[in-house]
Amino acid sequence: MNILIGILIPFVGTSLGAACVYLMKKEMNKKVNKILLGFASGVMIAASVWSLIIPSIDISKDMGKLSFIPAAVGILVGIMFLYSLDKIIPHIHVDGKNEEGSKNYKLSKTTKLVLSVVIHNIPEGMAIGIVFAAVMNEGGAITIASALALSIGIAIQNFPEGAIISMPIRSEGLSKNKAFLYGALSGIVEPIAAVITIIFSSVVSPIMPYLLSFAAGAMIFVVVEELIPEAAEDNFSDISAIAFSIGFVIMMILDVALS
């Protein structure tokens, strides 16, 4: 039951964000958007370190001074995986700018918006699945409370993503119900990716440290390539940096206090 709840918590965060379309008549306030992006970036970086990279090193402690190798390799592979995915799948950034090279694809703005969030949610769903699989297979390395803390942190990060999807879709003329549906469904890939990861966890248990750090690398890429640059646009770098720090500290406290 705890695992099921943990898998669904991030999807709830996305759905709540998408529900903002019922409360706001226009697009989300730009300043609020930048604050949320900064806060989400801090949450994801802290989650990557405390919920993924450190447990990866702990599981590899039998390697002695070389226990950093799985973490280092996994991070780099995760970054390259997201980099490749980012180039292959045509999408637009959440600020509405076309991804370079994707203009030749005849996809609607709505489709590209959804794709952009789906790309983000794949590594997050994998991270959740990997962490809960580690709880099941490794026991002491990661506690159920720490895994739930990661789910809560990603749910916090998903809230602005849900709004970022539903609000522009609403402004294009679609009904509020359809805008909410698109926003909510953009997060369904997370529980799907988590379940698939857990199903195959017994097969890949020996490489669990690499998978944990792989998820961390993928999340770090999303933050550095996408969220932070957009949060700092239009002279909002100071306030987004403060929001980043707050998000980082809150997620760190959650993970350490609940581990």
Protein backbone atom coordinates (compact mmCIF):
# COMPACT_ATOMS: atom_id res chain seq x y z
CA MET A 1 0.00 0.00 0.00
CA ASN A 2 2.86 2.39 0.85
CA ILE A 3 4.47 1.68 -2.51
CA LEU A 4 1.19 2.26 -4.35
CA ILE A 5 0.69 5.55 -2.53
CA GLY A 6 4.27 6.59 -3.24
CA ILE A 7 3.88 5.87 -6.95
CA LEU A 8 0.65 7.90 -7.19
CA ILE A 9 1.68 10.94 -5.10
CA PRO A 10 3.57 12.68 -7.97
CA PHE A 11 0.61 12.15 -10.32
CA VAL A 12 -1.62 13.83 -7.75
CA GLY A 13 0.79 16.78 -7.72
CA THR A 14 0.52 17.13 -11.50
CA SER A 15 -3.28 16.89 -11.36
CA LEU A 16 -3.54 19.56 -8.65
CA GLY A 17 -1.37 21.85 -10.75
CA ALA A 18 -3.52 21.23 -13.81
CA ALA A 19 -6.59 22.10 -11.71
CA CYS A 20 -5.30 25.68 -11.52
CA VAL A 21 -7.07 26.16 -14.84
CA TYR A 22 -10.35 26.29 -12.88
CA LEU A 23 -9.05 29.01 -10.56
CA MET A 24 -7.22 31.35 -12.94
CA LYS A 25 -8.80 33.28 -15.78
CA LYS A 26 -5.56 34.09 -17.57
CA GLU A 27 -2.06 32.67 -17.78
CA MET A 28 -0.07 32.11 -14.61
CA ASN A 29 1.62 35.23 -13.24
CA LYS A 30 5.15 35.34 -14.66
CA LYS A 31 6.77 36.05 -11.30
CA VAL A 32 4.91 33.20 -9.62
CA ASN A 33 5.90 30.91 -12.48
CA LYS A 34 9.60 31.75 -12.05
CA ILE A 35 9.39 31.21 -8.28
CA LEU A 36 7.78 27.81 -8.78
CA LEU A 37 10.37 26.80 -11.37
CA GLY A 38 13.20 27.85 -9.05
CA PHE A 39 11.64 26.03 -6.12
CA ALA A 40 11.09 22.90 -8.23
CA SER A 41 14.73 22.99 -9.36
CA GLY A 42 15.94 23.04 -5.77
CA VAL A 43 13.68 20.15 -4.83
CA MET A 44 14.88 18.02 -7.74
CA ILE A 45 18.59 18.67 -7.12
CA ALA A 46 18.27 17.86 -3.40
CA ALA A 47 16.27 14.72 -4.23
CA SER A 48 18.94 13.67 -6.72
CA VAL A 49 21.68 13.98 -4.08
CA TRP A 50 20.04 12.62 -0.92
CA SER A 51 17.50 10.18 -2.36
CA LEU A 52 19.50 8.79 -5.28
CA ILE A 53 23.26 9.51 -5.38
CA ILE A 54 24.06 8.98 -1.68
CA PRO A 55 22.08 5.70 -1.51
CA SER A 56 23.85 4.58 -4.70
CA ILE A 57 27.21 5.10 -2.98
CA ASP A 58 25.99 3.44 0.22
CA ILE A 59 24.87 0.32 -1.65
CA SER A 60 28.31 0.16 -3.31
CA LYS A 61 30.27 0.46 -0.05
CA ASP A 62 31.69 -3.05 -0.54
CA MET A 63 33.82 -1.54 -3.33
CA GLY A 64 35.72 0.50 -0.75
CA LYS A 65 37.34 3.63 -2.14
CA LEU A 66 35.91 2.81 -5.56
CA SER A 67 32.31 2.98 -4.32
CA PHE A 68 31.91 6.21 -6.28
CA ILE A 69 32.17 4.41 -9.63
CA PRO A 70 28.51 3.26 -9.97
CA ALA A 71 27.29 6.73 -8.99
CA ALA A 72 29.63 8.50 -11.41
CA VAL A 73 28.88 6.16 -14.31
CA GLY A 74 25.13 6.23 -13.68
CA ILE A 75 24.98 10.02 -13.53
CA LEU A 76 26.84 10.41 -16.83
CA VAL A 77 24.73 7.75 -18.59
CA GLY A 78 21.54 9.35 -17.27
CA ILE A 79 22.59 12.75 -18.57
CA MET A 80 23.46 11.35 -22.00
CA PHE A 81 20.17 9.42 -22.13
CA LEU A 82 18.11 12.55 -21.50
CA TYR A 83 20.29 14.54 -23.90
CA SER A 84 19.57 11.98 -26.64
CA LEU A 85 15.87 11.86 -25.80
CA ASP A 86 15.76 15.65 -25.82
CA LYS A 87 17.15 15.71 -29.36
CA ILE A 88 15.10 12.85 -30.77
CA ILE A 89 11.62 13.84 -29.56
CA PRO A 90 10.28 17.13 -30.95
CA HIS A 91 8.90 19.36 -28.22
CA ILE A 92 8.85 22.92 -26.96
CA HIS A 93 10.18 24.32 -23.72
CA VAL A 94 7.66 25.20 -21.05
CA ASP A 95 8.14 28.89 -21.83
CA GLY A 96 6.69 28.27 -25.29
CA LYS A 97 9.92 28.37 -27.30
CA ASN A 98 10.41 25.79 -30.04
CA GLU A 99 13.13 23.23 -29.51
CA GLU A 100 15.78 23.79 -32.17
CA GLY A 101 15.36 21.31 -34.98
CA SER A 102 11.77 20.41 -34.11
CA LYS A 103 10.16 23.02 -36.35
CA ASN A 104 10.12 20.58 -39.26
CA TYR A 105 7.74 18.31 -37.36
CA LYS A 106 4.10 19.14 -37.95
CA LEU A 107 2.97 18.87 -34.35
CA SER A 108 0.57 21.25 -32.68
CA LYS A 109 1.69 23.47 -29.83
CA THR A 110 -0.54 21.51 -27.49
CA THR A 111 1.12 18.23 -28.48
CA LYS A 112 4.58 19.69 -28.05
CA LEU A 113 3.70 21.11 -24.66
CA VAL A 114 2.54 17.70 -23.47
CA LEU A 115 5.65 16.05 -24.94
CA SER A 116 7.91 18.49 -23.12
CA VAL A 117 6.47 17.49 -19.74
CA VAL A 118 6.36 13.80 -20.67
CA ILE A 119 10.11 13.97 -21.38
CA HIS A 120 10.63 15.45 -17.91
CA ASN A 121 8.41 12.88 -16.25
CA ILE A 122 10.10 9.77 -17.65
CA PRO A 123 13.24 10.04 -15.46
CA GLU A 124 11.16 11.14 -12.48
CA GLY A 125 8.92 8.08 -12.80
CA MET A 126 11.99 5.88 -13.16
CA ALA A 127 13.51 7.51 -10.08
CA ILE A 128 10.41 6.72 -8.03
CA GLY A 129 10.32 3.13 -9.29
CA ILE A 130 14.04 2.62 -8.68
CA VAL A 131 13.86 4.00 -5.13
CA PHE A 132 10.88 1.83 -4.15
CA ALA A 133 12.51 -1.17 -5.85
CA ALA A 134 15.62 -0.48 -3.76
CA VAL A 135 13.44 -0.44 -0.64
CA MET A 136 12.09 -3.87 -1.60
CA ASN A 137 15.41 -5.42 -2.66
CA GLU A 138 18.08 -3.68 -0.60
CA GLY A 139 16.30 -3.04 2.68
CA GLY A 140 18.52 -0.81 4.80
CA ALA A 141 20.05 1.36 2.08
CA ILE A 142 16.81 3.29 1.51
CA THR A 143 13.88 3.43 3.93
CA ILE A 144 10.22 3.61 2.93
CA ALA A 145 10.03 7.04 4.58
CA SER A 146 12.92 8.31 2.45
CA ALA A 147 11.28 6.92 -0.69
CA LEU A 148 8.02 8.66 0.21
CA ALA A 149 9.97 11.88 0.78
CA LEU A 150 11.24 11.64 -2.79
CA SER A 151 7.67 11.13 -4.05
CA ILE A 152 6.48 14.17 -2.11
CA GLY A 153 9.36 16.25 -3.44
CA ILE A 154 8.62 15.29 -7.04
CA ALA A 155 4.90 15.97 -6.44
CA ILE A 156 5.83 19.50 -5.30
CA GLN A 157 7.89 19.90 -8.45
CA ASN A 158 5.03 18.53 -10.58
CA PHE A 159 2.52 21.12 -9.37
CA PRO A 160 3.85 23.98 -11.54
CA GLU A 161 4.29 21.56 -14.46
CA GLY A 162 0.59 20.68 -14.37
CA ALA A 163 -0.31 24.37 -14.40
CA ILE A 164 2.23 25.11 -17.13
CA ILE A 165 0.46 22.58 -19.33
CA SER A 166 -3.19 23.39 -18.61
CA MET A 167 -3.00 27.20 -18.60
CA PRO A 168 -1.53 27.70 -22.12
CA ILE A 169 -3.88 25.03 -23.51
CA ARG A 170 -6.83 26.92 -22.00
CA SER A 171 -5.56 30.18 -23.52
CA GLU A 172 -5.60 28.50 -26.95
CA GLY A 173 -9.38 28.17 -26.68
CA LEU A 174 -9.90 24.66 -25.36
CA SER A 175 -12.44 24.13 -22.58
CA LYS A 176 -11.30 24.08 -18.95
CA ASN A 177 -12.15 20.41 -18.68
CA LYS A 178 -10.04 19.49 -21.70
CA ALA A 179 -7.18 21.71 -20.52
CA PHE A 180 -7.27 20.01 -17.11
CA LEU A 181 -7.38 16.57 -18.76
CA TYR A 182 -4.31 17.31 -20.90
CA GLY A 183 -2.45 18.68 -17.89
CA ALA A 184 -3.30 15.73 -15.66
CA LEU A 185 -2.59 13.09 -18.31
CA SER A 186 0.85 14.58 -18.96
CA GLY A 187 1.81 13.15 -15.57
CA ILE A 188 0.43 9.64 -16.11
CA VAL A 189 3.77 8.56 -17.57
CA GLU A 190 5.32 8.78 -14.09
CA PRO A 191 3.36 5.95 -12.38
CA ILE A 192 3.64 3.91 -15.60
CA ALA A 193 7.44 4.31 -15.68
CA ALA A 194 7.60 3.59 -11.95
CA VAL A 195 5.58 0.36 -12.24
CA ILE A 196 7.62 -0.88 -15.21
CA THR A 197 10.84 -0.16 -13.31
CA ILE A 198 9.61 -2.05 -10.23
CA ILE A 199 8.47 -5.03 -12.33
CA PHE A 200 11.95 -5.43 -13.79
CA SER A 201 13.74 -4.53 -10.55
CA SER A 202 14.48 -8.16 -9.62
CA VAL A 203 16.25 -8.65 -12.94
CA VAL A 204 18.38 -5.54 -12.57
CA SER A 205 18.95 -5.73 -8.81
CA PRO A 206 22.74 -6.23 -9.21
CA ILE A 207 23.01 -2.88 -11.01
CA MET A 208 20.70 -0.99 -8.63
CA PRO A 209 23.44 1.57 -7.70
CA TYR A 210 23.84 2.42 -11.37
CA LEU A 211 20.08 2.78 -11.83
CA LEU A 212 19.73 5.09 -8.82
CA SER A 213 22.45 7.40 -10.09
CA PHE A 214 21.11 7.08 -13.66
CA ALA A 215 17.81 8.54 -12.46
CA ALA A 216 19.74 11.27 -10.63
CA GLY A 217 21.68 12.19 -13.76
CA ALA A 218 18.49 12.37 -15.81
CA MET A 219 16.84 14.65 -13.25
CA ILE A 220 19.93 16.86 -13.02
CA PHE A 221 19.94 17.26 -16.80
CA VAL A 222 16.29 18.37 -16.78
CA VAL A 223 17.00 20.95 -14.07
CA VAL A 224 20.17 22.41 -15.59
CA GLU A 225 19.05 22.32 -19.23
CA GLU A 226 15.43 23.32 -18.80
CA LEU A 227 14.17 24.57 -15.44
CA ILE A 228 16.98 26.83 -14.19
CA PRO A 229 17.46 28.78 -17.48
CA GLU A 230 13.71 29.41 -17.69
CA ALA A 231 13.45 30.36 -14.02
CA ALA A 232 16.20 32.96 -14.45
CA GLU A 233 14.73 34.64 -17.55
CA ASP A 234 13.37 38.20 -17.62
CA ASN A 235 15.46 39.49 -14.67
CA PHE A 236 13.97 36.99 -12.23
CA SER A 237 17.30 35.31 -11.44
CA ASP A 238 17.49 36.64 -7.87
CA ILE A 239 14.05 35.54 -6.75
CA SER A 240 14.30 32.20 -8.55
CA ALA A 241 17.68 31.60 -6.86
CA ILE A 242 16.07 32.22 -3.46
CA ALA A 243 13.22 29.87 -4.36
CA PHE A 244 15.80 27.28 -5.49
CA SER A 245 17.55 27.49 -2.11
CA ILE A 246 14.27 27.12 -0.21
CA GLY A 247 13.24 24.12 -2.30
CA PHE A 248 16.66 22.52 -1.83
CA VAL A 249 16.61 22.97 1.94
CA ILE A 250 13.03 21.72 2.34
CA MET A 251 13.72 18.57 0.32
CA MET A 252 16.97 17.98 2.20
CA ILE A 253 15.16 18.27 5.53
CA LEU A 254 12.39 15.91 4.37
CA ASP A 255 14.83 13.28 3.20
CA VAL A 256 17.18 13.41 6.21
CA ALA A 257 14.40 13.68 8.80
CA LEU A 258 12.40 10.80 7.30
CA SER A 259 15.32 8.50 6.48
